[in-house]
C-alpha cells in the first residue's frame, strides 16, 4: 500500500508534497491540489426518505454539521497549500463535503421541475416565452395565484433584456435559491418539492460554507475547481457554482465548474453556460472530463426506469468530448478558460491541432492528468511551453484509501494501456542506449522524467 500511495498520492501534509511540487515546476508543470481524504463507498442503500433509493453512492459521509465545518478548514488548508507551494495552480473541492448530500439531490429535483416549467410555458416550442404564452399558462395551470397585473410584473422580472420574451437563459437566471421557494409555493402541484424549514437552513449553511471557501481562495488568488459528482446532485451543484462564478469571475477566472462529457446533456449545458457568461460579463471557466460514475449512473437509471444519461459507447463519449472542446475553442475570443483533463493522447493531440489551426492563445488552455499516470503526456506538454498540470492528491495514508480504490475503479481503461506505455519506455531506453544519450544524461534530471 505504501508503494501504491507513493505512486498516486503527493504526500500526507503540505510540507511533504513540496518535493513533488518542486519537481513538477522544474519541468514546467503546475499542481492541482486535492485533500483526498474522503468517506468510503457506502455499504448500505441510501434511505428511501432521500427520494432516490440509490445504492453505493460515493459521497462524503455526512457526520453532522460540525464535521462539515471541519471540512471547510480542510479545504482552506488545501487552498493555502496551493498558495504556498504552487501559486499558479488550482485547489479542487467537492460540494458533498459541505453539507447533507441528500439536500443536493432534493434541490436538483426542484431545479429540474423548474427547468421543465420552461417547456410548459413555451407553447409553440420556439425556445422563447412571449407575454401571451406566459399569461395563458399561468391561467391554465394556476402557476401563479395573482392578478393579471402581478403576472405581467413577474414576466417583466424574467425578461431581463426587455425583449418582450423570455428565453431559457433568462428563465434560469431569474431562479435564484432565495426566489425558488416562493415560486414553488404559488402552485399546489409544485409545493410538494419544497424543502422544509430545517432543510432550507441546512442548505443555506452548505452554500455559506462554499462561499467562505471561495472568498478565501479569491483573497489568495487561488483558482478553485468544483468537481463534478453524480447526475442526481449535479443540477444543484451547477446552480450554486454559477452563482459563485457571477460573483468571483469578474476580474479573473477564479471558479471552475466541471463538465462530464460522457453525459448526453453536457454539450447543451456548456453551450448555455457560455452564453450566460457572455451576457452577464463574467469569465466562463471549465474543466472538461470524460466522467467518473458510469457504473453507478447506469445501474440507477435501470433501477429507476429512466433513460440512461450516459452515451451508449466509448466512441460516442470520445466524439462528444471533442464536440464540447470545439464549442469552447470557437468561443475562446470571449475570454474563456478551459482545463482539458484527459489521459487520452488523441484528445490532447486534437487540442494541440486546434490551437494551431485556430491560432488560439496557450494562456487560457490548460492540460491536466493525474499524478502517477500519463507522465509521458504531461511532461512533454510542460517542456513545450503548454500549461500542463498534475492532479496531486494528498492526505493521511489511512484516510486516502477510498480515493485510491476509486482511482483504480474509475481508471481501469487507463491501467489497461500499461502495455502501450511499457513499449514506449522500452523503445526510448533502446534509443538512448544506441545513441549514447543514456550515459550522457545529467545526473540532476528527475527520476520521473528519466524513466521516459
Protein backbone atom coordinates (compact mmCIF):
# COMPACT_ATOMS: atom_id res chain seq x y z
CA UNK A 1 0.00 0.00 0.00
CA UNK A 2 2.87 2.39 0.74
CA UNK A 3 4.24 1.89 -2.80
CA UNK A 4 0.75 2.45 -4.24
CA UNK A 5 0.40 5.52 -2.04
CA UNK A 6 3.67 6.97 -3.29
CA UNK A 7 2.69 6.45 -6.93
CA UNK A 8 -0.65 8.27 -6.83
CA UNK A 9 -0.55 10.48 -3.70
CA UNK A 10 1.68 13.53 -3.33
CA UNK A 11 2.20 13.11 0.41
CA UNK A 12 0.42 13.32 3.74
CA UNK A 13 0.85 17.04 4.51
CA UNK A 14 1.55 20.35 2.80
CA UNK A 15 5.19 20.04 3.82
CA UNK A 16 5.58 16.53 2.42
CA UNK A 17 4.18 17.42 -1.00
CA UNK A 18 6.70 20.21 -1.56
CA UNK A 19 9.32 17.96 -3.23
CA UNK A 20 6.87 16.63 -5.84
CA UNK A 21 5.54 20.14 -6.50
CA UNK A 22 9.11 21.40 -6.89
CA UNK A 23 9.94 18.56 -9.28
CA UNK A 24 6.87 19.32 -11.37
CA UNK A 25 7.67 23.03 -11.52
CA UNK A 26 11.21 22.27 -12.70
CA UNK A 27 9.61 20.58 -15.68
CA UNK A 28 7.10 23.35 -16.44
CA UNK A 29 4.18 21.59 -14.72
CA UNK A 30 1.76 23.11 -12.23
CA UNK A 31 -0.25 21.44 -9.48
CA UNK A 32 -3.94 20.84 -8.83
CA UNK A 33 -4.08 20.07 -5.11
CA UNK A 34 -6.84 17.97 -3.60
CA UNK A 35 -7.05 16.92 0.03
CA UNK A 36 -8.07 13.37 -0.84
CA UNK A 37 -9.42 12.18 2.50
CA UNK A 38 -12.99 11.04 1.85
CA UNK A 39 -15.58 8.57 3.02
CA UNK A 40 -15.50 5.05 1.69
CA UNK A 41 -18.20 3.80 -0.67
CA UNK A 42 -21.29 3.29 1.44
CA UNK A 43 -22.21 -0.30 2.12
CA UNK A 44 -25.91 0.29 2.76
CA UNK A 45 -28.60 1.70 0.46
CA UNK A 46 -29.49 5.34 0.92
CA UNK A 47 -32.72 5.53 2.98
CA UNK A 48 -35.93 5.87 0.97
CA UNK A 49 -36.56 9.24 2.62
CA UNK A 50 -33.84 10.65 0.39
CA UNK A 51 -36.17 10.24 -2.62
CA UNK A 52 -33.59 8.31 -4.61
CA UNK A 53 -33.11 4.73 -3.47
CA UNK A 54 -29.53 4.96 -4.72
CA UNK A 55 -27.14 2.27 -3.60
CA UNK A 56 -23.38 2.55 -3.32
CA UNK A 57 -23.44 6.30 -3.87
CA UNK A 58 -19.91 7.63 -3.39
CA UNK A 59 -20.17 10.85 -1.44
CA UNK A 60 -18.54 12.30 1.62
CA UNK A 61 -20.07 10.61 4.60
CA UNK A 62 -22.32 13.05 6.41
CA UNK A 63 -21.39 13.10 10.09
CA UNK A 64 -23.19 16.27 11.07
CA UNK A 65 -22.77 19.98 10.63
CA UNK A 66 -19.70 20.17 12.84
CA UNK A 67 -17.87 17.79 10.53
CA UNK A 68 -18.88 19.96 7.56
CA UNK A 69 -17.41 22.95 9.37
CA UNK A 70 -14.20 20.97 9.83
CA UNK A 71 -14.17 20.18 6.11
CA UNK A 72 -14.20 23.93 5.44
CA UNK A 73 -10.96 24.20 7.41
CA UNK A 74 -9.51 21.25 5.49
CA UNK A 75 -10.33 22.85 2.13
CA UNK A 76 -8.95 26.21 3.24
CA UNK A 77 -5.72 24.49 4.27
CA UNK A 78 -5.60 22.97 0.77
CA UNK A 79 -6.05 26.42 -0.78
CA UNK A 80 -3.27 27.77 1.44
CA UNK A 81 -1.08 24.86 0.35
CA UNK A 82 -1.63 25.85 -3.28
CA UNK A 83 -0.77 29.45 -2.44
CA UNK A 84 2.41 28.38 -0.64
CA UNK A 85 3.63 25.64 -2.97
CA UNK A 86 2.08 26.13 -6.41
CA UNK A 87 0.71 29.70 -6.73
CA UNK A 88 -0.17 29.16 -10.40
CA UNK A 89 -2.14 26.04 -9.55
CA UNK A 90 -5.64 25.04 -8.55
CA UNK A 91 -7.41 23.69 -5.48
CA UNK A 92 -10.12 21.05 -6.03
CA UNK A 93 -13.11 20.52 -3.74
CA UNK A 94 -16.37 18.55 -3.61
CA UNK A 95 -19.63 20.16 -2.58
CA UNK A 96 -20.89 16.97 -0.91
CA UNK A 97 -18.28 17.55 1.79
CA UNK A 98 -20.00 20.74 2.92
CA UNK A 99 -23.48 19.56 3.87
CA UNK A 100 -26.06 16.82 3.79
CA UNK A 101 -25.69 15.35 0.27
CA UNK A 102 -29.38 14.43 0.02
CA UNK A 103 -30.19 18.16 0.07
CA UNK A 104 -28.34 18.50 -3.22
CA UNK A 105 -30.47 15.70 -4.62
CA UNK A 106 -33.66 17.35 -3.40
CA UNK A 107 -32.63 20.75 -4.78
CA UNK A 108 -31.69 19.09 -8.08
CA UNK A 109 -35.22 17.70 -8.31
CA UNK A 110 -36.64 21.16 -7.69
CA UNK A 111 -34.39 22.68 -10.36
CA UNK A 112 -35.33 20.03 -12.91
CA UNK A 113 -39.00 20.72 -12.24
CA UNK A 114 -38.30 24.44 -12.72
CA UNK A 115 -36.45 23.76 -15.98
CA UNK A 116 -39.33 21.65 -17.22
CA UNK A 117 -41.71 24.52 -16.45
CA UNK A 118 -39.98 26.48 -19.21
CA UNK A 119 -41.13 23.91 -21.79
CA UNK A 120 -44.63 24.11 -20.33
CA UNK A 121 -44.72 27.89 -20.87
CA UNK A 122 -43.09 27.69 -24.30
CA UNK A 123 -46.29 26.63 -26.08
CA UNK A 124 -45.01 26.79 -29.66
CA UNK A 125 -41.61 25.28 -28.86
CA UNK A 126 -39.56 28.09 -30.38
CA UNK A 127 -37.32 28.44 -27.31
CA UNK A 128 -38.96 31.69 -26.25
CA UNK A 129 -41.88 32.56 -23.96
CA UNK A 130 -43.99 35.51 -25.05
CA UNK A 131 -46.13 37.52 -22.64
CA UNK A 132 -49.24 35.97 -24.19
CA UNK A 133 -47.88 32.44 -23.64
CA UNK A 134 -46.89 33.33 -20.09
CA UNK A 135 -50.34 34.69 -19.26
CA UNK A 136 -52.10 31.73 -20.85
CA UNK A 137 -50.14 29.06 -18.97
CA UNK A 138 -50.45 30.93 -15.68
CA UNK A 139 -54.22 30.86 -16.08
CA UNK A 140 -54.42 27.27 -17.37
CA UNK A 141 -52.16 25.71 -14.77
CA UNK A 142 -52.66 28.14 -11.91
CA UNK A 143 -48.89 28.59 -11.65
CA UNK A 144 -49.27 31.98 -10.01
CA UNK A 145 -52.30 32.88 -7.90
CA UNK A 146 -52.03 36.56 -8.71
CA UNK A 147 -53.83 39.33 -10.57
CA UNK A 148 -53.13 39.91 -14.29
CA UNK A 149 -51.07 42.96 -13.30
CA UNK A 150 -48.93 40.86 -10.97
CA UNK A 151 -48.44 38.22 -13.67
CA UNK A 152 -47.26 40.95 -16.04
CA UNK A 153 -44.86 42.20 -13.37
CA UNK A 154 -43.44 38.69 -12.86
CA UNK A 155 -42.97 38.35 -16.63
CA UNK A 156 -41.07 41.62 -16.65
CA UNK A 157 -38.73 40.31 -13.94
CA UNK A 158 -37.87 37.30 -16.09
CA UNK A 159 -37.48 39.42 -19.24
CA UNK A 160 -34.23 40.98 -18.02
CA UNK A 161 -33.16 42.06 -21.53
CA UNK A 162 -36.56 43.72 -22.15
CA UNK A 163 -37.02 41.99 -25.50
CA UNK A 164 -40.67 41.10 -24.94
CA UNK A 165 -39.95 37.41 -24.47
CA UNK A 166 -38.13 35.10 -22.05
CA UNK A 167 -35.51 32.64 -23.28
CA UNK A 168 -34.11 29.71 -21.32
CA UNK A 169 -31.05 31.62 -20.10
CA UNK A 170 -33.22 34.41 -18.66
CA UNK A 171 -35.59 31.87 -17.13
CA UNK A 172 -32.88 30.08 -15.17
CA UNK A 173 -31.02 33.30 -14.35
CA UNK A 174 -34.06 34.62 -12.51
CA UNK A 175 -34.46 31.45 -10.45
CA UNK A 176 -32.08 32.16 -7.58
CA UNK A 177 -32.30 29.97 -4.49
CA UNK A 178 -33.98 32.60 -2.38
CA UNK A 179 -36.66 33.14 -5.08
CA UNK A 180 -37.12 29.49 -5.96
CA UNK A 181 -39.08 28.59 -2.86
CA UNK A 182 -41.50 31.45 -3.42
CA UNK A 183 -42.12 30.30 -6.98
CA UNK A 184 -42.97 26.76 -5.91
CA UNK A 185 -45.19 27.89 -3.07
CA UNK A 186 -47.50 29.57 -5.57
CA UNK A 187 -48.66 26.26 -7.05
CA UNK A 188 -50.18 23.32 -5.22
CA UNK A 189 -48.67 20.69 -7.55
CA UNK A 190 -45.19 22.14 -7.19
CA UNK A 191 -45.34 22.73 -3.46
CA UNK A 192 -44.53 19.07 -2.73
CA UNK A 193 -40.98 19.63 -3.97
CA UNK A 194 -40.24 22.30 -1.38
CA UNK A 195 -37.63 21.77 1.29
CA UNK A 196 -38.93 22.14 4.82
CA UNK A 197 -37.63 24.91 7.05
CA UNK A 198 -34.93 22.74 8.63
CA UNK A 199 -33.74 21.57 5.21
CA UNK A 200 -33.62 25.16 3.98
CA UNK A 201 -31.41 26.08 6.94
CA UNK A 202 -29.09 23.16 6.21
CA UNK A 203 -28.94 24.14 2.54
CA UNK A 204 -28.17 27.75 3.45
CA UNK A 205 -25.36 26.51 5.70
CA UNK A 206 -23.90 24.43 2.87
CA UNK A 207 -23.91 27.40 0.49
CA UNK A 208 -22.46 29.66 3.19
CA UNK A 209 -19.57 27.22 3.72
CA UNK A 210 -18.84 27.15 -0.01
CA UNK A 211 -18.86 30.95 -0.21
CA UNK A 212 -16.45 31.12 2.73
CA UNK A 213 -14.08 28.81 0.84
CA UNK A 214 -14.49 30.83 -2.38
CA UNK A 215 -13.80 34.08 -0.50
CA UNK A 216 -10.63 32.57 0.92
CA UNK A 217 -9.47 31.33 -2.49
CA UNK A 218 -10.19 34.67 -4.16
CA UNK A 219 -8.31 36.50 -1.42
CA UNK A 220 -5.21 34.38 -2.08
CA UNK A 221 -5.68 34.49 -5.88
CA UNK A 222 -6.01 30.69 -5.99
CA UNK A 223 -8.27 29.16 -8.62
CA UNK A 224 -10.95 26.90 -7.16
CA UNK A 225 -12.17 23.87 -9.06
CA UNK A 226 -15.56 22.38 -8.10
CA UNK A 227 -15.57 18.70 -9.00
CA UNK A 228 -18.49 17.08 -10.82
CA UNK A 229 -20.49 14.47 -8.95
CA UNK A 230 -23.44 12.17 -9.66
CA UNK A 231 -26.21 13.36 -12.01
CA UNK A 232 -28.75 13.47 -9.19
CA UNK A 233 -26.55 16.06 -7.43
CA UNK A 234 -25.25 17.91 -10.49
CA UNK A 235 -28.12 20.34 -11.28
CA UNK A 236 -27.86 21.73 -7.75
CA UNK A 237 -24.07 21.89 -7.94
CA UNK A 238 -24.23 23.69 -11.30
CA UNK A 239 -26.78 26.17 -9.95
CA UNK A 240 -24.69 27.01 -6.90
CA UNK A 241 -21.41 27.19 -8.86
CA UNK A 242 -22.96 29.57 -11.42
CA UNK A 243 -23.83 31.95 -8.60
CA UNK A 244 -20.21 31.77 -7.43
CA UNK A 245 -18.92 32.49 -10.94
CA UNK A 246 -21.17 35.55 -11.22
CA UNK A 247 -19.57 36.89 -8.05
CA UNK A 248 -15.93 35.79 -8.30
CA UNK A 249 -15.17 35.50 -12.04
CA UNK A 250 -15.49 39.17 -12.94
CA UNK A 251 -11.81 40.10 -12.56
CA UNK A 252 -10.24 36.74 -13.44
CA UNK A 253 -11.36 33.09 -13.75
CA UNK A 254 -11.37 32.10 -10.08
CA UNK A 255 -14.15 29.45 -10.04
CA UNK A 256 -14.04 26.47 -12.43
CA UNK A 257 -17.04 24.19 -12.93
CA UNK A 258 -16.62 20.60 -14.16
CA UNK A 259 -18.43 19.02 -17.11
CA UNK A 260 -18.53 15.26 -17.74
CA UNK A 261 -18.59 14.59 -21.49
CA UNK A 262 -19.99 11.09 -21.11
CA UNK A 263 -23.33 12.71 -20.23
CA UNK A 264 -25.67 13.26 -23.17
CA UNK A 265 -26.67 16.74 -21.97
CA UNK A 266 -23.13 18.02 -21.40
CA UNK A 267 -22.79 19.86 -24.72
CA UNK A 268 -26.04 21.78 -24.20
CA UNK A 269 -25.06 22.65 -20.62
CA UNK A 270 -21.73 24.03 -21.76
CA UNK A 271 -23.43 26.00 -24.54
CA UNK A 272 -25.95 27.56 -22.15
CA UNK A 273 -23.28 28.41 -19.60
CA UNK A 274 -21.05 30.06 -22.21
CA UNK A 275 -23.97 32.21 -23.40
CA UNK A 276 -24.86 33.08 -19.81
CA UNK A 277 -21.29 34.17 -19.01
CA UNK A 278 -21.09 36.28 -22.16
CA UNK A 279 -24.38 38.02 -21.41
CA UNK A 280 -23.61 38.71 -17.77
CA UNK A 281 -19.98 39.67 -18.22
CA UNK A 282 -18.01 37.14 -16.21
CA UNK A 283 -15.36 34.59 -17.15
CA UNK A 284 -16.54 31.14 -18.21
CA UNK A 285 -14.10 28.64 -16.69
CA UNK A 286 -14.43 24.88 -17.00
CA UNK A 287 -12.73 21.56 -16.52
CA UNK A 288 -13.74 19.04 -19.21
CA UNK A 289 -13.52 15.38 -18.22
CA UNK A 290 -14.99 12.22 -19.68
CA UNK A 291 -16.75 11.07 -16.50
CA UNK A 292 -16.31 9.05 -13.33
CA UNK A 293 -19.58 7.39 -12.31
CA UNK A 294 -20.54 5.27 -15.31
CA UNK A 295 -21.45 2.03 -13.50
CA UNK A 296 -23.43 3.77 -10.75
CA UNK A 297 -25.29 6.03 -13.17
CA UNK A 298 -26.35 3.20 -15.47
CA UNK A 299 -27.39 0.99 -12.58
CA UNK A 300 -29.52 3.74 -11.10
CA UNK A 301 -31.15 4.56 -14.44
CA UNK A 302 -32.08 0.91 -14.87
CA UNK A 303 -33.45 0.62 -11.34
CA UNK A 304 -35.46 3.85 -11.53
CA UNK A 305 -36.68 3.25 -15.08
CA UNK A 306 -35.43 6.40 -16.79
CA UNK A 307 -33.23 6.89 -19.85
CA UNK A 308 -29.53 6.21 -19.35
CA UNK A 309 -27.93 9.69 -19.13
CA UNK A 310 -24.61 8.40 -20.49
CA UNK A 311 -23.64 7.95 -24.12
CA UNK A 312 -24.02 4.28 -25.13
CA UNK A 313 -20.42 3.73 -26.24
CA UNK A 314 -16.91 4.94 -25.52
CA UNK A 315 -16.68 6.15 -29.11
CA UNK A 316 -19.77 8.31 -28.58
CA UNK A 317 -18.15 9.76 -25.46
CA UNK A 318 -14.91 10.50 -27.34
CA UNK A 319 -16.86 12.25 -30.09
CA UNK A 320 -18.85 14.30 -27.60
CA UNK A 321 -15.68 15.24 -25.70
CA UNK A 322 -14.31 16.72 -28.91
CA UNK A 323 -17.62 18.46 -29.70
CA UNK A 324 -17.51 20.13 -26.29
CA UNK A 325 -13.91 21.21 -26.94
CA UNK A 326 -14.91 22.56 -30.36
CA UNK A 327 -17.64 24.68 -28.78
CA UNK A 328 -15.22 26.07 -26.21
CA UNK A 329 -12.49 26.76 -28.77
CA UNK A 330 -14.95 28.61 -31.03
CA UNK A 331 -15.64 30.99 -28.16
CA UNK A 332 -12.12 31.45 -26.80
CA UNK A 333 -12.07 35.02 -28.13
CA UNK A 334 -14.53 35.96 -25.37
CA UNK A 335 -12.03 35.10 -22.63
CA UNK A 336 -12.98 31.51 -21.90
CA UNK A 337 -10.70 29.34 -19.76
CA UNK A 338 -10.66 25.57 -20.08
CA UNK A 339 -8.80 22.71 -18.45
CA UNK A 340 -8.58 19.75 -20.83
CA UNK A 341 -8.46 16.98 -18.24
CA UNK A 342 -7.71 13.74 -20.02
CA UNK A 343 -5.20 10.91 -20.33
CA UNK A 344 -6.35 10.26 -23.90
CA UNK A 345 -3.48 11.05 -26.24
CA UNK A 346 -5.73 11.57 -29.27
CA UNK A 347 -7.74 14.24 -27.39
CA UNK A 348 -4.54 16.05 -26.42
CA UNK A 349 -3.26 15.89 -29.99
CA UNK A 350 -6.65 17.13 -31.20
CA UNK A 351 -6.45 20.08 -28.82
CA UNK A 352 -2.94 20.97 -29.95
CA UNK A 353 -4.04 20.83 -33.59
CA UNK A 354 -6.98 23.13 -32.88
CA UNK A 355 -4.75 25.59 -31.03
CA UNK A 356 -2.55 25.84 -34.10
CA UNK A 357 -5.37 25.78 -36.67
CA UNK A 358 -7.45 28.46 -34.91
CA UNK A 359 -4.38 30.41 -33.75
CA UNK A 360 -5.53 30.21 -30.14
CA UNK A 361 -3.55 31.58 -27.24
CA UNK A 362 -2.00 29.00 -24.90
CA UNK A 363 -2.70 31.22 -21.94
CA UNK A 364 -6.31 30.14 -21.37
CA UNK A 365 -5.98 26.44 -22.23
CA UNK A 366 -4.69 24.06 -19.56
CA UNK A 367 -3.97 20.33 -19.61
CA UNK A 368 -4.42 18.06 -16.61
CA UNK A 369 -3.52 14.46 -15.75
CA UNK A 370 -3.47 12.50 -12.52
CA UNK A 371 -0.28 12.12 -10.53
CA UNK A 372 1.30 8.78 -11.39
CA UNK A 373 -0.48 8.47 -14.74
CA UNK A 374 0.29 9.56 -18.32
CA UNK A 375 3.62 11.17 -17.36
CA UNK A 376 4.72 10.79 -20.99
CA UNK A 377 1.99 13.28 -21.94
CA UNK A 378 2.25 15.74 -19.05
CA UNK A 379 6.00 16.22 -19.20
CA UNK A 380 6.07 16.69 -22.97
CA UNK A 381 3.39 19.36 -22.69
CA UNK A 382 5.22 21.10 -19.85
CA UNK A 383 8.54 21.06 -21.65
CA UNK A 384 6.98 22.61 -24.75
CA UNK A 385 5.51 25.62 -23.01
CA UNK A 386 1.93 24.44 -22.61
CA UNK A 387 0.12 24.90 -19.30
CA UNK A 388 0.33 21.35 -18.02
CA UNK A 389 -0.86 20.30 -14.56
CA UNK A 390 -0.74 17.24 -12.38
CA UNK A 391 -3.68 16.48 -10.13
CA UNK A 392 -1.86 16.00 -6.81
CA UNK A 393 -3.98 14.39 -4.06
CA UNK A 394 -2.61 14.39 -0.53
CA UNK A 395 -3.66 13.34 2.95
CA UNK A 396 -3.00 10.74 5.68
CA UNK A 397 -2.40 7.29 4.24
CA UNK A 398 -5.17 5.68 6.29
CA UNK A 399 -7.70 8.26 5.06
CA UNK A 400 -6.95 8.23 1.33
CA UNK A 401 -7.50 4.50 0.77
CA UNK A 402 -11.06 5.12 -0.57
CA UNK A 403 -9.60 7.64 -3.01
CA UNK A 404 -7.01 5.11 -4.22
CA UNK A 405 -9.65 2.40 -4.65
CA UNK A 406 -11.85 4.81 -6.61
CA UNK A 407 -8.96 5.74 -8.88
CA UNK A 408 -8.48 2.07 -9.76
CA UNK A 409 -12.20 1.69 -10.45
CA UNK A 410 -12.56 4.88 -12.46
CA UNK A 411 -9.38 4.49 -14.49
CA UNK A 412 -9.32 0.80 -15.35
CA UNK A 413 -9.16 1.82 -19.01
CA UNK A 414 -6.02 3.84 -18.25
CA UNK A 415 -4.40 0.96 -16.45
CA UNK A 416 -5.21 -1.28 -19.39
CA UNK A 417 -2.94 0.93 -21.50
CA UNK A 418 0.06 -0.03 -19.40
CA UNK A 419 1.39 -2.28 -22.15
CA UNK A 420 1.39 0.64 -24.58
CA UNK A 421 3.38 2.79 -22.18
CA UNK A 422 5.71 -0.11 -21.45
CA UNK A 423 6.53 -0.40 -25.15
CA UNK A 424 7.14 3.34 -25.31
CA UNK A 425 9.54 3.13 -22.37
CA UNK A 426 11.41 0.17 -23.88
CA UNK A 427 11.70 1.96 -27.23
CA UNK A 428 13.04 5.13 -25.59
CA UNK A 429 15.57 3.23 -23.46
CA UNK A 430 16.80 1.38 -26.55
CA UNK A 431 17.10 4.65 -28.47
CA UNK A 432 19.14 6.26 -25.69
CA UNK A 433 21.46 3.26 -25.39
CA UNK A 434 22.09 3.14 -29.15
CA UNK A 435 22.76 6.88 -29.36
CA UNK A 436 24.80 7.02 -26.15
CA UNK A 437 22.37 9.57 -24.73
CA UNK A 438 21.51 7.29 -21.78
CA UNK A 439 25.02 7.61 -20.34
CA UNK A 440 25.20 11.34 -21.01
CA UNK A 441 22.04 12.28 -19.16
CA UNK A 442 22.52 14.88 -16.46
CA UNK A 443 22.53 13.26 -13.03
CA UNK A 444 20.30 16.05 -11.79
CA UNK A 445 17.47 15.08 -14.16
CA UNK A 446 14.41 13.94 -12.25
CA UNK A 447 13.78 10.22 -11.92
CA UNK A 448 10.22 10.66 -13.13
CA UNK A 449 11.37 12.20 -16.38
CA UNK A 450 14.36 9.89 -16.77
CA UNK A 451 12.26 6.74 -16.90
CA UNK A 452 10.58 8.09 -20.01
